[in-house]
Amino acid sequence: MRSLLTAAAISLAFTLFLTPVFLRLFRRWGWGQVIRTPENIHNPSHGAKRGTPTMGGTIFIVGTLVGYFIGTFVGRNPPTISGLLVIWMMVGFGVVGFIDDFMKVRRQNSLGLSGWRKVAGQGVVVVVFGIAALNFPNGDGQTPASPFVSLFRDVPWLSFMALGAVIGWILYLAWIALLGVASSNSVNVSDGLDGLAAGSAIFVTSALALVAFWQFKQPCDAVTAHAGLSEACYQTRDPFDLAIIAASFIGALVGFLWWNAPKAKVFMGDVGSMSIGGVIAALAILTRTEILLVVIAGVYVIASGSVILQRVYFKLTRGKRLFLMSPLHHHLEMRGWAEITIVVRMWIIAGLLALSGVGLFYVEWLVRL
């Protein structure tokens, strides 16, 4: 517990107290937000946001790293391959987002990396993650990830490797890439209002941290000693380390949200939104809750789903629109909702969905007892 609490406290203190230092550097380097706001959107404050320091995601990425490594050292829980894989996804996706942000700032327009270049960059990061996650077995032969599709745990009859080694690896990596790219871009789509993406990420990551900690308390190697309880345990590698990195990330996000909440003093940029998506995807894969992520991270599914629905409806109806503007939060802005109202209500939805996911996880455990 010392590692968990220390990691969260250090990362929180780092982003809470050192963000103003970073902001002075960002202003000196000219890292100001480029704003492109449609004239028909009913929120004049968007124009006033132009020039606000951006790429703030670098702050909570560094804060997470500092908190995690100090926490593991203080609690004498050395970093594991699972924790390092989460860091890989966070930093790797963050680098792709940083390149996109830097191009926008340098060109002073909203055109950074093209969509396919972003996906290609994310794909490289997630494929390396997927390959490494099926290697490095521990003494019990457990690897960080598994070749199964998972809901609350691995689904026994949904194994990619049952189709053969070559086809199995291809399908497994495609599945992992889909999760990583979809998660990252869904968070990116939701990052349109002050504090929306960061606040929602706190709820989502907290839910995954609870899942990891529960798996740590209910490991199969301990529970199987009691007759009849083998199905109620979890075959997850390094769950406590996953809880530590999640706690560090949560602390960093909370400290960052202090400065990012309406009216934001700093924006996270794509470097922040993509890194959040990378952490969420990695935690879901390594805790064997991939499909459950649809519920836990449902607020991001709503954002990206509204964009998909808008495009499909536009094509099917030859130019008609389902929403005034997508994603959904911009539709609500155009309906006259205040920005703070949308953000707080989205936070409530994010909290309810994250809590529902944890509730389903716990109920499934009770049923297996």
Protein backbone atom coordinates (compact mmCIF):
# COMPACT_ATOMS: atom_id res chain seq x y z
CA MET A 1 0.00 0.00 0.00
CA ARG A 2 2.94 2.33 0.62
CA SER A 3 3.88 2.20 -3.07
CA LEU A 4 0.29 2.87 -4.12
CA LEU A 5 -0.22 5.88 -1.88
CA THR A 6 3.25 7.33 -2.49
CA ALA A 7 2.91 7.07 -6.27
CA ALA A 8 -0.45 8.85 -6.23
CA ALA A 9 0.71 11.55 -3.80
CA ILE A 10 3.97 12.32 -5.63
CA SER A 11 2.37 12.53 -9.06
CA LEU A 12 -0.45 14.70 -7.67
CA ALA A 13 2.01 17.09 -6.03
CA PHE A 14 4.14 17.19 -9.17
CA THR A 15 1.36 18.32 -11.53
CA LEU A 16 -0.46 20.45 -8.96
CA PHE A 17 2.53 22.56 -7.93
CA LEU A 18 4.85 22.41 -10.94
CA THR A 19 2.35 23.05 -13.74
CA PRO A 20 2.87 26.86 -13.47
CA VAL A 21 6.60 26.29 -14.04
CA PHE A 22 5.87 24.28 -17.17
CA LEU A 23 3.42 26.93 -18.39
CA ARG A 24 6.10 29.62 -18.24
CA LEU A 25 8.31 27.42 -20.38
CA PHE A 26 5.48 26.67 -22.83
CA ARG A 27 4.79 30.40 -23.29
CA ARG A 28 8.48 31.07 -23.85
CA TRP A 29 8.60 28.33 -26.49
CA GLY A 30 5.42 29.59 -28.15
CA TRP A 31 3.33 26.51 -27.45
CA GLY A 32 -0.04 28.27 -27.78
CA GLN A 33 -3.28 26.58 -28.78
CA VAL A 34 -4.54 27.04 -32.33
CA ILE A 35 -8.36 27.36 -32.20
CA ARG A 36 -10.68 26.64 -35.12
CA THR A 37 -14.26 27.41 -34.06
CA PRO A 38 -17.26 27.37 -36.44
CA GLU A 39 -19.07 30.70 -36.51
CA ASN A 40 -22.41 29.10 -35.73
CA ILE A 41 -21.34 27.54 -32.43
CA HIS A 42 -22.89 29.36 -29.48
CA ASN A 43 -19.79 29.74 -27.31
CA PRO A 44 -17.79 32.93 -27.82
CA SER A 45 -15.31 31.78 -25.17
CA HIS A 46 -13.76 29.41 -27.73
CA GLY A 47 -12.15 32.33 -29.54
CA ALA A 48 -10.74 33.61 -26.27
CA LYS A 49 -8.92 30.29 -25.79
CA ARG A 50 -6.59 31.00 -28.69
CA GLY A 51 -2.99 31.18 -27.45
CA THR A 52 -3.62 29.23 -24.23
CA PRO A 53 -0.58 27.00 -23.53
CA THR A 54 -1.06 23.56 -25.02
CA MET A 55 0.74 20.19 -25.01
CA GLY A 56 0.04 20.03 -21.28
CA GLY A 57 -0.18 16.27 -21.55
CA THR A 58 3.60 16.24 -21.26
CA ILE A 59 3.15 17.49 -17.69
CA PHE A 60 1.05 14.59 -16.45
CA ILE A 61 3.11 12.07 -18.42
CA VAL A 62 6.27 13.23 -16.62
CA GLY A 63 4.34 13.43 -13.34
CA THR A 64 3.16 9.85 -13.75
CA LEU A 65 6.69 8.61 -14.40
CA VAL A 66 8.08 10.45 -11.38
CA GLY A 67 5.30 9.23 -9.09
CA TYR A 68 5.48 5.63 -10.30
CA PHE A 69 9.23 5.17 -9.98
CA ILE A 70 9.41 6.91 -6.60
CA GLY A 71 6.42 4.90 -5.38
CA THR A 72 7.89 1.56 -6.42
CA PHE A 73 11.24 2.47 -4.83
CA VAL A 74 9.75 3.66 -1.53
CA GLY A 75 7.49 0.63 -1.21
CA ARG A 76 10.19 -1.78 -2.34
CA ASN A 77 8.04 -3.05 -5.19
CA PRO A 78 10.37 -3.04 -8.20
CA PRO A 79 8.80 -2.14 -11.55
CA THR A 80 7.47 -5.13 -13.47
CA ILE A 81 7.16 -5.78 -17.18
CA SER A 82 3.40 -5.07 -16.88
CA GLY A 83 3.94 -1.61 -15.43
CA LEU A 84 6.61 -0.85 -18.01
CA LEU A 85 4.26 -1.89 -20.81
CA VAL A 86 1.67 0.61 -19.59
CA ILE A 87 4.39 3.26 -19.58
CA TRP A 88 5.35 2.26 -23.13
CA MET A 89 1.79 2.84 -24.33
CA MET A 90 1.51 6.13 -22.45
CA VAL A 91 4.79 7.54 -23.71
CA GLY A 92 4.55 6.02 -27.19
CA PHE A 93 1.08 7.36 -27.90
CA GLY A 94 2.12 10.62 -26.27
CA VAL A 95 5.03 10.99 -28.70
CA VAL A 96 2.66 10.54 -31.66
CA GLY A 97 0.38 13.20 -30.19
CA PHE A 98 3.32 15.50 -29.45
CA ILE A 99 4.43 15.39 -33.09
CA ASP A 100 0.89 16.24 -34.16
CA ASP A 101 0.66 19.14 -31.67
CA PHE A 102 4.09 20.49 -32.55
CA MET A 103 3.23 20.57 -36.25
CA LYS A 104 0.04 22.53 -35.49
CA VAL A 105 1.84 25.05 -33.31
CA ARG A 106 4.69 25.51 -35.74
CA ARG A 107 2.37 25.98 -38.74
CA GLN A 108 -0.17 27.97 -36.70
CA ASN A 109 -3.11 26.01 -38.09
CA SER A 110 -5.15 22.98 -37.07
CA LEU A 111 -3.47 20.68 -39.60
CA GLY A 112 -1.00 18.35 -37.93
CA LEU A 113 -0.41 14.74 -38.80
CA SER A 114 -2.88 13.26 -41.27
CA GLY A 115 -5.31 10.70 -39.90
CA TRP A 116 -3.53 7.74 -41.45
CA ARG A 117 -0.14 8.89 -40.20
CA LYS A 118 -1.52 9.08 -36.68
CA VAL A 119 -2.95 5.58 -36.99
CA ALA A 120 0.34 4.31 -38.41
CA GLY A 121 2.29 5.79 -35.50
CA GLN A 122 -0.16 4.38 -32.98
CA GLY A 123 -0.04 1.03 -34.77
CA VAL A 124 3.74 0.78 -34.41
CA VAL A 125 3.51 1.50 -30.67
CA VAL A 126 0.69 -0.95 -30.02
CA VAL A 127 2.18 -3.78 -32.10
CA VAL A 128 5.42 -3.59 -30.10
CA PHE A 129 3.28 -3.59 -26.96
CA GLY A 130 1.32 -6.63 -28.14
CA ILE A 131 4.41 -8.66 -29.01
CA ALA A 132 6.11 -7.88 -25.71
CA ALA A 133 2.92 -8.56 -23.75
CA LEU A 134 2.85 -12.20 -24.91
CA ASN A 135 6.46 -12.75 -23.88
CA PHE A 136 8.45 -12.44 -20.63
CA PRO A 137 6.66 -15.20 -18.67
CA ASN A 138 7.13 -15.28 -14.92
CA GLY A 139 7.88 -18.34 -12.81
CA ASP A 140 4.31 -19.60 -13.23
CA GLY A 141 4.44 -19.17 -17.00
CA GLN A 142 2.16 -16.12 -16.98
CA THR A 143 2.72 -13.41 -19.56
CA PRO A 144 1.44 -9.84 -19.10
CA ALA A 145 -1.32 -10.31 -21.70
CA SER A 146 -3.02 -13.43 -23.02
CA PRO A 147 -4.05 -14.71 -26.48
CA PHE A 148 -7.70 -14.72 -25.40
CA VAL A 149 -10.46 -12.17 -25.79
CA SER A 150 -11.50 -11.10 -22.30
CA LEU A 151 -14.57 -9.71 -20.57
CA PHE A 152 -14.13 -10.04 -16.81
CA ARG A 153 -11.32 -12.52 -17.37
CA ASP A 154 -10.17 -14.60 -20.34
CA VAL A 155 -13.02 -16.20 -22.29
CA PRO A 156 -11.77 -19.82 -22.69
CA TRP A 157 -13.32 -20.46 -26.09
CA LEU A 158 -12.14 -17.17 -27.63
CA SER A 159 -8.46 -17.92 -28.19
CA PHE A 160 -6.67 -16.47 -31.19
CA MET A 161 -4.01 -19.18 -31.07
CA ALA A 162 -6.61 -21.90 -31.57
CA LEU A 163 -6.48 -20.94 -35.26
CA GLY A 164 -2.77 -21.66 -35.54
CA ALA A 165 0.35 -19.75 -34.59
CA VAL A 166 0.64 -17.49 -37.65
CA ILE A 167 -3.05 -16.66 -38.06
CA GLY A 168 -3.38 -16.44 -34.28
CA TRP A 169 -0.62 -13.86 -33.98
CA ILE A 170 -2.03 -11.79 -36.83
CA LEU A 171 -5.53 -11.75 -35.33
CA TYR A 172 -4.21 -11.10 -31.84
CA LEU A 173 -2.12 -8.12 -32.95
CA ALA A 174 -5.04 -6.80 -35.02
CA TRP A 175 -7.28 -7.02 -31.92
CA ILE A 176 -4.70 -5.29 -29.71
CA ALA A 177 -4.18 -2.60 -32.36
CA LEU A 178 -7.93 -2.03 -32.64
CA LEU A 179 -8.21 -1.57 -28.87
CA GLY A 180 -5.27 0.81 -28.68
CA VAL A 181 -6.14 2.96 -31.69
CA ALA A 182 -9.86 3.08 -30.87
CA SER A 183 -9.22 4.01 -27.23
CA SER A 184 -6.69 6.70 -28.09
CA ASN A 185 -8.77 8.33 -30.80
CA SER A 186 -11.96 8.15 -28.72
CA VAL A 187 -10.30 10.15 -25.94
CA ASN A 188 -8.91 12.52 -28.57
CA VAL A 189 -12.42 13.12 -29.97
CA SER A 190 -13.78 13.91 -26.51
CA ASP A 191 -11.07 16.50 -25.84
CA GLY A 192 -13.00 19.55 -27.00
CA LEU A 193 -14.06 21.31 -23.80
CA ASP A 194 -12.03 22.41 -20.78
CA GLY A 195 -11.54 19.49 -18.39
CA LEU A 196 -13.84 17.07 -20.20
CA ALA A 197 -11.28 14.45 -21.25
CA ALA A 198 -9.06 14.76 -18.15
CA GLY A 199 -11.93 14.64 -15.66
CA SER A 200 -13.52 11.65 -17.38
CA ALA A 201 -10.16 9.86 -17.49
CA ILE A 202 -9.92 10.09 -13.70
CA PHE A 203 -13.13 8.07 -13.35
CA VAL A 204 -12.16 5.54 -16.02
CA THR A 205 -8.63 4.97 -14.72
CA SER A 206 -9.91 4.77 -11.13
CA ALA A 207 -12.25 1.97 -12.16
CA LEU A 208 -9.40 0.06 -13.80
CA ALA A 209 -7.22 0.65 -10.72
CA LEU A 210 -9.94 -0.88 -8.53
CA VAL A 211 -10.16 -3.87 -10.87
CA ALA A 212 -6.38 -4.38 -10.73
CA PHE A 213 -6.30 -4.06 -6.94
CA TRP A 214 -9.18 -6.54 -6.57
CA GLN A 215 -7.30 -9.00 -8.79
CA PHE A 216 -4.27 -8.52 -6.55
CA LYS A 217 -6.37 -9.45 -3.52
CA GLN A 218 -7.92 -12.46 -5.30
CA PRO A 219 -5.03 -14.24 -7.07
CA CYS A 220 -5.50 -17.80 -8.25
CA ASP A 221 -2.33 -19.04 -6.59
CA ALA A 222 -3.77 -18.04 -3.19
CA VAL A 223 -7.45 -18.80 -3.65
CA THR A 224 -7.08 -22.23 -5.21
CA ALA A 225 -5.84 -23.50 -1.87
CA HIS A 226 -9.48 -23.43 -0.78
CA ALA A 227 -11.72 -26.05 -2.31
CA GLY A 228 -14.32 -24.87 -4.77
CA LEU A 229 -12.99 -21.34 -5.24
CA SER A 230 -10.74 -21.83 -8.26
CA GLU A 231 -13.18 -20.14 -10.63
CA ALA A 232 -13.45 -17.03 -8.43
CA CYS A 233 -9.81 -16.03 -8.71
CA TYR A 234 -7.88 -14.08 -11.34
CA GLN A 235 -4.94 -15.24 -13.42
CA THR A 236 -3.51 -11.78 -13.96
CA ARG A 237 0.18 -11.04 -13.86
CA ASP A 238 1.47 -8.15 -11.73
CA PRO A 239 -1.94 -6.71 -10.74
CA PHE A 240 -0.51 -4.69 -7.87
CA ASP A 241 2.01 -2.98 -10.13
CA LEU A 242 -0.82 -2.18 -12.53
CA ALA A 243 -2.68 -0.60 -9.62
CA ILE A 244 0.43 1.46 -8.77
CA ILE A 245 0.87 2.87 -12.27
CA ALA A 246 -2.87 3.54 -12.46
CA ALA A 247 -2.78 5.36 -9.10
CA SER A 248 0.17 7.44 -10.26
CA PHE A 249 -1.66 8.35 -13.47
CA ILE A 250 -4.80 9.30 -11.53
CA GLY A 251 -2.82 11.53 -9.17
CA ALA A 252 -1.15 13.26 -12.12
CA LEU A 253 -4.51 13.82 -13.83
CA VAL A 254 -6.10 15.25 -10.68
CA GLY A 255 -3.28 17.76 -10.28
CA PHE A 256 -3.46 18.64 -13.97
CA LEU A 257 -7.24 19.06 -13.83
CA TRP A 258 -6.78 21.84 -11.25
CA TRP A 259 -5.28 23.90 -14.09
CA ASN A 260 -7.31 22.39 -16.93
CA ALA A 261 -10.80 22.78 -15.44
CA PRO A 262 -12.96 25.60 -16.90
CA LYS A 263 -11.56 28.14 -17.54
CA ALA A 264 -8.46 26.20 -18.52
CA LYS A 265 -5.01 27.67 -17.99
CA VAL A 266 -3.52 24.87 -20.09
CA PHE A 267 -4.75 22.35 -22.66
CA MET A 268 -3.54 18.76 -22.76
CA GLY A 269 -3.27 18.64 -26.56
CA ASP A 270 -3.10 15.43 -28.57
CA VAL A 271 -0.04 14.42 -26.57
CA GLY A 272 -2.32 14.24 -23.53
CA SER A 273 -5.47 12.73 -25.03
CA MET A 274 -3.58 10.04 -26.93
CA SER A 275 -1.50 9.08 -23.90
CA ILE A 276 -4.69 8.76 -21.83
CA GLY A 277 -6.13 6.41 -24.44
CA GLY A 278 -2.91 4.40 -24.43
CA VAL A 279 -2.98 3.95 -20.65
CA ILE A 280 -6.65 2.97 -20.63
CA ALA A 281 -6.19 0.41 -23.41
CA ALA A 282 -3.07 -1.06 -21.80
CA LEU A 283 -4.73 -1.43 -18.40
CA ALA A 284 -7.79 -3.09 -19.94
CA ILE A 285 -5.66 -5.56 -21.89
CA LEU A 286 -3.40 -6.43 -18.97
CA THR A 287 -6.27 -6.77 -16.46
CA ARG A 288 -8.21 -8.97 -18.91
CA THR A 289 -11.18 -6.56 -19.11
CA GLU A 290 -11.03 -5.63 -22.78
CA ILE A 291 -14.74 -5.90 -23.65
CA LEU A 292 -15.78 -4.52 -20.25
CA LEU A 293 -13.89 -1.37 -21.26
CA VAL A 294 -16.87 -0.46 -23.45
CA VAL A 295 -18.82 0.16 -20.24
CA ILE A 296 -16.04 1.50 -18.04
CA ALA A 297 -14.92 3.99 -20.70
CA GLY A 298 -18.45 4.50 -22.00
CA VAL A 299 -18.19 8.29 -21.95
CA TYR A 300 -15.53 8.08 -24.66
CA VAL A 301 -17.60 5.55 -26.59
CA ILE A 302 -20.43 8.09 -26.61
CA ALA A 303 -18.14 10.80 -28.03
CA SER A 304 -16.64 8.68 -30.79
CA GLY A 305 -19.96 6.92 -31.43
CA SER A 306 -21.67 10.25 -32.08
CA VAL A 307 -19.03 11.06 -34.72
CA ILE A 308 -19.52 7.69 -36.42
CA LEU A 309 -23.32 8.05 -36.35
CA GLN A 310 -23.06 11.55 -37.81
CA ARG A 311 -20.96 10.35 -40.73
CA VAL A 312 -23.07 7.28 -41.44
CA TYR A 313 -26.32 9.27 -41.27
CA PHE A 314 -24.85 11.99 -43.48
CA LYS A 315 -23.96 9.48 -46.18
CA LEU A 316 -27.20 7.50 -45.97
CA THR A 317 -29.39 10.62 -46.15
CA ARG A 318 -27.21 12.39 -48.73
CA GLY A 319 -26.28 15.43 -46.72
CA LYS A 320 -28.62 15.50 -43.72
CA ARG A 321 -27.19 15.65 -40.22
CA LEU A 322 -28.21 13.70 -37.15
CA PHE A 323 -26.49 16.20 -34.81
CA LEU A 324 -25.98 19.92 -35.29
CA MET A 325 -22.29 19.14 -34.90
CA SER A 326 -20.31 16.13 -33.76
CA PRO A 327 -19.06 14.96 -31.34
CA LEU A 328 -22.03 15.16 -28.99
CA HIS A 329 -20.62 17.84 -26.67
CA HIS A 330 -20.38 20.31 -29.57
CA HIS A 331 -23.98 19.49 -30.53
CA LEU A 332 -25.00 20.44 -27.00
CA GLU A 333 -23.00 23.67 -27.27
CA MET A 334 -24.90 24.58 -30.43
CA ARG A 335 -28.14 23.89 -28.58
CA GLY A 336 -27.13 26.63 -26.15
CA TRP A 337 -25.77 24.59 -23.23
CA ALA A 338 -23.07 26.30 -21.18
CA GLU A 339 -19.62 24.70 -21.41
CA ILE A 340 -19.37 24.08 -17.68
CA THR A 341 -22.81 22.42 -17.68
CA ILE A 342 -21.78 20.02 -20.43
CA VAL A 343 -18.47 19.19 -18.76
CA VAL A 344 -19.93 18.48 -15.31
CA ARG A 345 -22.77 16.38 -16.71
CA MET A 346 -20.31 14.40 -18.83
CA TRP A 347 -18.25 13.82 -15.70
CA ILE A 348 -21.37 12.47 -13.99
CA ILE A 349 -22.02 10.14 -16.92
CA ALA A 350 -18.37 9.03 -16.90
CA GLY A 351 -18.56 8.28 -13.17
CA LEU A 352 -21.80 6.33 -13.47
CA LEU A 353 -20.52 4.23 -16.36
CA ALA A 354 -17.18 3.54 -14.66
CA LEU A 355 -19.01 2.55 -11.48
CA SER A 356 -21.33 0.32 -13.49
CA GLY A 357 -18.35 -1.45 -15.03
CA VAL A 358 -16.80 -2.10 -11.62
CA GLY A 359 -20.19 -3.26 -10.34
CA LEU A 360 -20.52 -5.77 -13.18
CA PHE A 361 -16.99 -6.99 -12.49
CA TYR A 362 -17.80 -7.55 -8.81
CA VAL A 363 -21.18 -9.19 -9.49
CA GLU A 364 -19.49 -11.66 -11.86
CA TRP A 365 -17.07 -12.57 -9.07
CA LEU A 366 -19.97 -13.13 -6.63
CA VAL A 367 -21.73 -15.38 -9.11
CA ARG A 368 -18.65 -17.57 -9.43
CA LEU A 369 -18.32 -18.08 -5.67
